[in-house]
């Protein structure tokens, strides 16, 4: 069946990130013409390493620089905008809050304002996070809950969500907010994250590291499911199937502790190892997970990959990546 976004021009910010590297080829397969706004040329990005970037128009610029964003929007004239670009790390937010606020808050209003001035835009999908909800006793998170962020990264995502809703309500900009938990999959080279870090350590034959105490509970959702969620959200906006300004949670609804996901990775790799548990992630929320019933009912979305299959796909990707002679896993601290 032909997608309702086939033939449309799409702009993806943060296209060289983990989700962006999966979203861009999915958009191309859907028949979109795609442009990418990226901060720099990262040869380790799967989008660039795979060569798929050559099928896109590329704009280089910073989200917090208004002229960079407006140039990409005005020159490409997108009908679809996927705003994935962000400073994505909780720890960096604590260490450098101003950079996080500029990138995530100012960057979002730059994207929204540039697209507001372009009458061609039919869908603006803004990637958010479960962190926007903040700490709460009542779980799982549902979309009717208020955003009550505390730490800098959480606050930056909550502010971006409020800006997105404001542009929908005030200017009629067709927007949607997508919230998910911890996304994993091939192409993530941030080894501080539990899934890629554990896989790399096992491949190297060294002791894996758990930064937290292992008890924190999270959603773990496969990157291909999230890329498909973004595409489906854009399709729904274009087809006027959903009201503008809505937030949607995307989860496999199988919350797990850090130690449980670690053990699942080890089991999938047939590895019996004891991790080094550092207990250092004290600034992060202890328990976070999402209810996705709204996405199921309004978008018809559900994850296509269970945890076991998703982990197997992910492990296969990293084993293939490190099997190349010029990619010694020890080169990546």
Protein backbone atom coordinates (compact mmCIF):
# COMPACT_ATOMS: atom_id res chain seq x y z
CA UNK A 1 0.00 0.00 0.00
CA UNK A 2 1.35 3.42 -0.94
CA UNK A 3 2.17 5.60 2.05
CA UNK A 4 0.36 8.93 2.43
CA UNK A 5 3.78 10.61 2.68
CA UNK A 6 5.13 9.15 -0.59
CA UNK A 7 6.56 11.89 -2.79
CA UNK A 8 6.75 14.47 0.01
CA UNK A 9 9.87 16.40 0.93
CA UNK A 10 11.13 15.60 4.44
CA UNK A 11 13.69 17.37 6.62
CA UNK A 12 15.30 15.38 9.45
CA UNK A 13 17.30 17.12 12.16
CA UNK A 14 19.73 14.92 14.05
CA UNK A 15 19.79 12.59 11.07
CA UNK A 16 23.19 11.11 11.91
CA UNK A 17 22.07 9.98 15.38
CA UNK A 18 20.91 6.48 16.24
CA UNK A 19 17.24 6.92 15.38
CA UNK A 20 17.90 9.29 12.50
CA UNK A 21 20.16 6.74 10.83
CA UNK A 22 17.24 4.30 10.78
CA UNK A 23 14.54 6.87 10.04
CA UNK A 24 16.15 8.35 6.92
CA UNK A 25 16.32 5.07 4.93
CA UNK A 26 12.77 4.26 6.06
CA UNK A 27 11.58 7.60 4.68
CA UNK A 28 13.44 6.98 1.43
CA UNK A 29 11.78 3.58 1.10
CA UNK A 30 8.43 5.29 1.71
CA UNK A 31 9.04 7.44 -1.35
CA UNK A 32 10.05 10.65 0.41
CA UNK A 33 12.73 13.01 -0.75
CA UNK A 34 14.92 13.64 2.28
CA UNK A 35 17.20 16.40 3.52
CA UNK A 36 19.30 16.12 6.68
CA UNK A 37 20.34 18.92 9.01
CA UNK A 38 23.42 17.76 10.91
CA UNK A 39 25.92 19.59 13.15
CA UNK A 40 29.00 18.04 11.53
CA UNK A 41 30.17 15.18 9.35
CA UNK A 42 30.48 12.16 11.64
CA UNK A 43 32.13 9.27 9.76
CA UNK A 44 31.09 6.85 12.53
CA UNK A 45 27.38 7.54 11.97
CA UNK A 46 25.60 4.63 10.33
CA UNK A 47 23.88 7.06 7.97
CA UNK A 48 27.25 8.18 6.63
CA UNK A 49 29.10 4.87 6.96
CA UNK A 50 26.40 3.06 4.96
CA UNK A 51 26.47 5.63 2.16
CA UNK A 52 22.74 6.33 2.49
CA UNK A 53 23.59 9.96 3.16
CA UNK A 54 24.42 10.31 -0.54
CA UNK A 55 20.72 9.90 -1.29
CA UNK A 56 19.91 13.01 0.79
CA UNK A 57 20.42 16.73 0.57
CA UNK A 58 22.69 17.64 3.48
CA UNK A 59 22.70 20.92 5.40
CA UNK A 60 25.37 21.47 8.05
CA UNK A 61 24.45 23.69 10.97
CA UNK A 62 23.62 24.04 14.64
CA UNK A 63 20.08 23.84 15.95
CA UNK A 64 20.68 26.74 18.32
CA UNK A 65 21.73 28.99 15.41
CA UNK A 66 18.58 30.46 13.91
CA UNK A 67 20.13 31.16 10.51
CA UNK A 68 21.31 27.55 10.12
CA UNK A 69 17.83 26.19 10.76
CA UNK A 70 15.98 28.78 8.68
CA UNK A 71 18.36 28.23 5.75
CA UNK A 72 17.68 24.48 5.72
CA UNK A 73 13.92 24.99 5.97
CA UNK A 74 13.69 27.81 3.42
CA UNK A 75 15.94 26.14 0.84
CA UNK A 76 14.51 22.63 1.12
CA UNK A 77 10.87 23.69 1.68
CA UNK A 78 9.90 20.47 3.46
CA UNK A 79 6.36 19.22 3.79
CA UNK A 80 7.43 16.92 6.63
CA UNK A 81 9.79 17.81 9.47
CA UNK A 82 11.22 15.24 11.88
CA UNK A 83 12.95 17.08 14.69
CA UNK A 84 15.25 14.50 16.27
CA UNK A 85 18.28 16.71 16.87
CA UNK A 86 19.15 17.21 20.55
CA UNK A 87 21.74 16.94 23.26
CA UNK A 88 20.56 13.47 24.33
CA UNK A 89 22.55 12.58 27.45
CA UNK A 90 21.32 13.02 31.01
CA UNK A 91 24.85 13.25 32.42
CA UNK A 92 25.91 15.93 29.95
CA UNK A 93 22.80 17.87 30.92
CA UNK A 94 23.95 17.88 34.54
CA UNK A 95 27.51 18.90 33.66
CA UNK A 96 26.60 21.44 30.98
CA UNK A 97 23.01 22.64 31.41
CA UNK A 98 23.35 25.80 29.31
CA UNK A 99 24.49 23.85 26.24
CA UNK A 100 21.63 21.38 26.81
CA UNK A 101 19.06 24.17 27.12
CA UNK A 102 20.32 25.97 24.03
CA UNK A 103 20.34 22.84 21.89
CA UNK A 104 17.10 21.28 23.10
CA UNK A 105 14.94 24.32 23.87
CA UNK A 106 16.24 27.06 21.59
CA UNK A 107 16.86 24.48 18.87
CA UNK A 108 13.24 23.39 19.07
CA UNK A 109 11.79 26.87 18.87
CA UNK A 110 14.09 27.62 15.92
CA UNK A 111 12.67 24.58 14.09
CA UNK A 112 9.07 25.41 15.00
CA UNK A 113 9.38 29.07 14.04
CA UNK A 114 11.05 28.31 10.72
CA UNK A 115 8.36 25.79 9.84
CA UNK A 116 5.56 28.09 11.03
CA UNK A 117 6.61 30.52 8.30
CA UNK A 118 6.44 27.81 5.63
CA UNK A 119 2.84 27.14 4.51
CA UNK A 120 3.84 23.87 2.79
CA UNK A 121 4.44 22.01 6.07
CA UNK A 122 1.94 19.21 6.70
CA UNK A 123 3.54 17.44 9.67
CA UNK A 124 6.14 18.31 12.31
CA UNK A 125 7.11 15.33 14.48
CA UNK A 126 9.13 16.36 17.54
CA UNK A 127 11.09 13.60 19.27
CA UNK A 128 10.77 13.81 23.03
CA UNK A 129 11.48 11.41 25.88
CA UNK A 130 9.91 9.71 28.87
CA UNK A 131 12.24 11.96 30.87
CA UNK A 132 9.85 14.87 30.22
CA UNK A 133 7.38 13.38 32.72
CA UNK A 134 9.89 13.57 35.56
CA UNK A 135 9.76 11.45 38.69
CA UNK A 136 6.34 10.20 39.78
CA UNK A 137 4.93 7.52 42.05
CA UNK A 138 2.23 6.55 39.54
CA UNK A 139 3.44 4.39 36.65
CA UNK A 140 3.28 3.71 33.79
CA UNK A 141 3.31 7.20 32.32
CA UNK A 142 0.26 8.09 30.24
CA UNK A 143 -0.08 11.12 27.98
CA UNK A 144 -2.62 12.86 30.22
CA UNK A 145 0.01 13.17 32.98
CA UNK A 146 1.63 16.60 33.34
CA UNK A 147 5.31 17.10 32.58
CA UNK A 148 7.13 17.57 35.89
CA UNK A 149 10.77 17.55 34.94
CA UNK A 150 13.52 18.33 37.43
CA UNK A 151 17.06 17.81 36.13
CA UNK A 152 18.36 19.87 33.18
CA UNK A 153 17.93 17.25 30.44
CA UNK A 154 14.42 16.37 31.63
CA UNK A 155 13.53 20.06 31.79
CA UNK A 156 14.85 20.71 28.30
CA UNK A 157 12.61 17.99 26.85
CA UNK A 158 9.57 19.16 28.82
CA UNK A 159 10.09 22.72 27.57
CA UNK A 160 10.42 21.47 23.99
CA UNK A 161 7.13 19.59 24.39
CA UNK A 162 5.34 22.70 25.69
CA UNK A 163 6.71 24.78 22.82
CA UNK A 164 5.49 22.18 20.33
CA UNK A 165 1.99 22.18 21.81
CA UNK A 166 1.97 25.99 21.88
CA UNK A 167 2.77 26.25 18.17
CA UNK A 168 -0.02 23.80 17.41
CA UNK A 169 -2.58 25.65 19.55
CA UNK A 170 -1.58 29.20 18.64
CA UNK A 171 -0.58 28.94 14.99
CA UNK A 172 -2.26 25.75 13.83
CA UNK A 173 1.10 24.15 13.05
CA UNK A 174 0.48 20.41 12.49
CA UNK A 175 2.67 18.93 15.22
CA UNK A 176 2.98 15.75 17.24
CA UNK A 177 5.19 14.87 20.20
CA UNK A 178 6.70 11.40 20.41
CA UNK A 179 7.95 10.04 23.73
CA UNK A 180 9.86 6.81 24.20
CA UNK A 181 12.20 5.23 26.69
CA UNK A 182 15.68 3.81 26.13
CA UNK A 183 16.18 3.09 22.44
CA UNK A 184 18.73 0.48 21.38
CA UNK A 185 19.86 -1.00 18.09
CA UNK A 186 22.71 -1.22 15.61
CA UNK A 187 24.62 1.98 15.03
CA UNK A 188 24.76 3.27 18.60
CA UNK A 189 28.42 3.85 19.41
CA UNK A 190 27.83 5.43 22.81
CA UNK A 191 29.41 2.71 24.93
CA UNK A 192 28.17 4.20 28.22
CA UNK A 193 24.70 2.90 27.30
CA UNK A 194 23.95 -0.50 28.73
CA UNK A 195 23.12 -2.44 25.55
CA UNK A 196 25.95 -1.40 23.20
CA UNK A 197 28.42 -1.16 26.08
CA UNK A 198 27.69 -4.70 27.24
CA UNK A 199 27.86 -6.13 23.72
CA UNK A 200 31.19 -4.43 23.04
CA UNK A 201 32.67 -5.61 26.35
CA UNK A 202 31.69 -9.22 25.68
CA UNK A 203 33.14 -9.06 22.17
CA UNK A 204 36.36 -7.62 23.62
CA UNK A 205 36.47 -10.23 26.40
CA UNK A 206 36.55 -7.60 29.16
CA UNK A 207 34.33 -7.11 32.19
CA UNK A 208 31.19 -5.11 31.36
CA UNK A 209 30.42 -1.98 33.37
CA UNK A 210 27.07 -0.94 34.83
CA UNK A 211 27.13 2.76 35.73
CA UNK A 212 24.12 2.59 38.05
CA UNK A 213 23.45 0.13 40.86
CA UNK A 214 21.52 -2.06 38.39
CA UNK A 215 18.09 -1.57 39.97
CA UNK A 216 16.80 1.34 37.85
CA UNK A 217 13.77 0.35 35.76
CA UNK A 218 13.31 1.50 32.17
CA UNK A 219 11.62 0.75 28.87
CA UNK A 220 13.98 -0.73 26.29
CA UNK A 221 12.63 -0.43 22.76
CA UNK A 222 14.18 -1.36 19.42
CA UNK A 223 15.24 1.48 17.15
CA UNK A 224 13.42 0.18 14.07
CA UNK A 225 10.13 0.20 15.97
CA UNK A 226 10.71 3.82 16.99
CA UNK A 227 11.63 4.93 13.46
CA UNK A 228 8.44 3.28 12.25
CA UNK A 229 6.51 5.08 15.00
CA UNK A 230 7.78 8.44 13.75
CA UNK A 231 6.79 7.63 10.18
CA UNK A 232 3.35 6.46 11.26
CA UNK A 233 2.84 9.64 13.30
CA UNK A 234 3.68 11.80 10.28
CA UNK A 235 1.32 9.79 8.10
CA UNK A 236 -1.49 10.31 10.62
CA UNK A 237 -0.91 14.07 10.70
CA UNK A 238 -0.86 14.30 6.91
CA UNK A 239 -4.08 12.30 6.66
CA UNK A 240 -5.71 14.38 9.46
CA UNK A 241 -6.26 11.18 11.47
CA UNK A 242 -5.10 12.81 14.71
CA UNK A 243 -5.46 16.31 16.20
CA UNK A 244 -2.41 18.55 16.10
CA UNK A 245 -0.34 19.07 19.24
CA UNK A 246 -0.89 15.58 20.66
CA UNK A 247 1.75 13.57 22.53
CA UNK A 248 2.17 9.82 22.00
CA UNK A 249 4.07 7.27 24.07
CA UNK A 250 5.89 4.45 22.29
CA UNK A 251 6.99 1.43 24.31
CA UNK A 252 7.11 -2.33 24.15
CA UNK A 253 5.48 -2.16 27.61
CA UNK A 254 7.97 -4.57 29.13
CA UNK A 255 9.83 -2.52 31.77
CA UNK A 256 13.09 -4.03 32.95
CA UNK A 257 15.79 -3.20 35.46
CA UNK A 258 19.27 -2.40 34.20
CA UNK A 259 20.47 -5.72 35.56
CA UNK A 260 17.68 -7.57 33.75
CA UNK A 261 18.53 -6.03 30.37
CA UNK A 262 22.21 -6.76 31.05
CA UNK A 263 21.39 -10.40 31.75
CA UNK A 264 19.24 -10.56 28.60
CA UNK A 265 22.15 -9.34 26.48
CA UNK A 266 24.49 -11.85 28.11
CA UNK A 267 21.99 -14.65 27.55
CA UNK A 268 21.55 -13.75 23.89
CA UNK A 269 25.35 -13.84 23.48
CA UNK A 270 25.71 -17.05 25.53
CA UNK A 271 28.12 -15.21 27.83
CA UNK A 272 28.53 -15.80 31.55
CA UNK A 273 30.13 -12.65 32.95
CA UNK A 274 29.93 -10.66 36.16
CA UNK A 275 29.63 -6.90 35.63
CA UNK A 276 31.45 -4.14 37.46
CA UNK A 277 28.63 -2.24 39.17
CA UNK A 278 29.69 1.37 39.78
CA UNK A 279 26.54 2.80 41.35
CA UNK A 280 27.33 6.26 39.94
CA UNK A 281 24.07 7.23 38.15
CA UNK A 282 22.60 8.99 41.19
CA UNK A 283 21.05 11.95 39.35
CA UNK A 284 18.75 9.80 37.19
CA UNK A 285 15.11 8.93 37.91
CA UNK A 286 14.80 5.51 39.51
CA UNK A 287 11.75 4.12 37.70
CA UNK A 288 10.37 5.18 34.30
CA UNK A 289 8.18 3.33 31.85
CA UNK A 290 5.37 4.13 29.45
CA UNK A 291 1.84 3.10 28.53
CA UNK A 292 1.37 2.95 24.73
CA UNK A 293 -2.37 2.33 24.52
CA UNK A 294 -2.98 5.74 22.91
CA UNK A 295 -0.53 4.99 20.10
CA UNK A 296 -2.12 1.60 19.59
CA UNK A 297 -5.66 2.96 19.42
CA UNK A 298 -5.10 6.21 17.51
CA UNK A 299 -2.15 5.30 15.30
CA UNK A 300 -2.50 1.55 15.01
CA UNK A 301 1.13 1.25 16.12
CA UNK A 302 2.60 -1.61 18.09
CA UNK A 303 6.17 -2.90 18.26
CA UNK A 304 7.02 -5.41 15.55
CA UNK A 305 10.03 -6.79 17.45
CA UNK A 306 9.98 -8.56 20.79
CA UNK A 307 12.99 -8.10 23.03
CA UNK A 308 14.66 -11.36 22.05
CA UNK A 309 14.51 -10.71 18.31
CA UNK A 310 15.52 -7.07 18.76
CA UNK A 311 18.57 -8.04 20.82
CA UNK A 312 19.55 -10.71 18.30
CA UNK A 313 19.38 -8.17 15.46
CA UNK A 314 21.39 -5.69 17.51
CA UNK A 315 24.08 -8.19 18.46
CA UNK A 316 24.37 -9.33 14.83
CA UNK A 317 24.93 -5.71 13.80
CA UNK A 318 27.76 -5.17 16.30
CA UNK A 319 29.41 -8.51 15.52
CA UNK A 320 29.38 -7.57 11.85
CA UNK A 321 30.65 -4.08 12.61
CA UNK A 322 33.59 -5.28 14.70
CA UNK A 323 34.45 -8.16 12.37
CA UNK A 324 35.97 -5.66 9.96
CA UNK A 325 39.76 -5.73 10.21
CA UNK A 326 40.05 -1.98 10.76
CA UNK A 327 37.54 -1.89 13.61
CA UNK A 328 39.19 -3.12 16.77
CA UNK A 329 36.60 -2.63 19.57
CA UNK A 330 39.42 -1.63 21.91
CA UNK A 331 39.90 1.54 19.84
CA UNK A 332 36.64 2.92 21.26
CA UNK A 333 37.06 3.80 24.93
